[in-house]
């Protein structure tokens, strides 16, 4: 179980670092800047609570 958790954490970290570099050079990749935040359910719930509305884009 511990190996699975560590591998998932490393995968998410690698994906985050990839998105940082992909958005640093926008001509190489065509990715939305907030892609990582769109995938985070806690951030989307927090944004909806703060806005007091349903944000369908998240």
Protein backbone atom coordinates (compact mmCIF):
# COMPACT_ATOMS: atom_id res chain seq x y z
CA UNK A 1 0.00 0.00 0.00
CA UNK A 2 2.78 2.41 0.84
CA UNK A 3 4.44 1.88 -2.55
CA UNK A 4 1.17 2.64 -4.33
CA UNK A 5 0.70 5.86 -2.34
CA UNK A 6 4.25 7.02 -3.06
CA UNK A 7 3.93 6.22 -6.77
CA UNK A 8 0.66 8.16 -7.01
CA UNK A 9 2.20 11.12 -5.19
CA UNK A 10 5.21 11.10 -7.52
CA UNK A 11 2.91 10.89 -10.54
CA UNK A 12 0.87 13.88 -9.41
CA UNK A 13 4.06 15.83 -8.65
CA UNK A 14 5.43 15.01 -12.10
CA UNK A 15 2.14 16.11 -13.69
CA UNK A 16 2.23 19.39 -11.75
CA UNK A 17 5.82 20.09 -12.78
CA UNK A 18 4.93 19.25 -16.39
CA UNK A 19 2.06 21.75 -16.29
CA UNK A 20 4.31 24.44 -14.82
CA UNK A 21 6.81 24.03 -17.64
CA UNK A 22 4.11 23.60 -20.29
CA UNK A 23 2.56 26.91 -19.30
CA UNK A 24 5.94 28.63 -19.18
CA UNK A 25 6.33 28.02 -22.91
CA UNK A 26 2.82 28.46 -24.32
CA UNK A 27 3.86 28.05 -27.94
CA UNK A 28 4.96 24.45 -27.31
CA UNK A 29 1.75 23.27 -25.60
CA UNK A 30 -1.84 24.37 -25.79
CA UNK A 31 -3.03 23.65 -22.23
CA UNK A 32 -5.30 25.76 -20.02
CA UNK A 33 -3.43 27.48 -17.23
CA UNK A 34 -5.81 26.31 -14.51
CA UNK A 35 -5.94 22.64 -15.54
CA UNK A 36 -4.40 21.36 -12.29
CA UNK A 37 -6.84 23.39 -10.20
CA UNK A 38 -9.78 22.13 -12.25
CA UNK A 39 -8.83 18.57 -11.32
CA UNK A 40 -8.73 19.31 -7.57
CA UNK A 41 -12.17 18.64 -6.06
CA UNK A 42 -11.42 20.45 -2.80
CA UNK A 43 -10.38 23.63 -4.60
CA UNK A 44 -13.53 23.56 -6.72
CA UNK A 45 -15.79 23.06 -3.69
CA UNK A 46 -14.00 25.88 -1.88
CA UNK A 47 -14.40 28.18 -4.88
CA UNK A 48 -18.09 27.36 -5.15
CA UNK A 49 -18.63 28.04 -1.45
CA UNK A 50 -16.75 31.32 -1.68
CA UNK A 51 -18.66 32.42 -4.78
CA UNK A 52 -21.97 31.12 -3.38
CA UNK A 53 -22.87 29.71 -6.78
CA UNK A 54 -22.42 26.60 -8.88
CA UNK A 55 -19.36 26.88 -11.09
CA UNK A 56 -19.82 24.34 -13.88
CA UNK A 57 -16.40 24.97 -15.42
CA UNK A 58 -14.78 23.42 -12.38
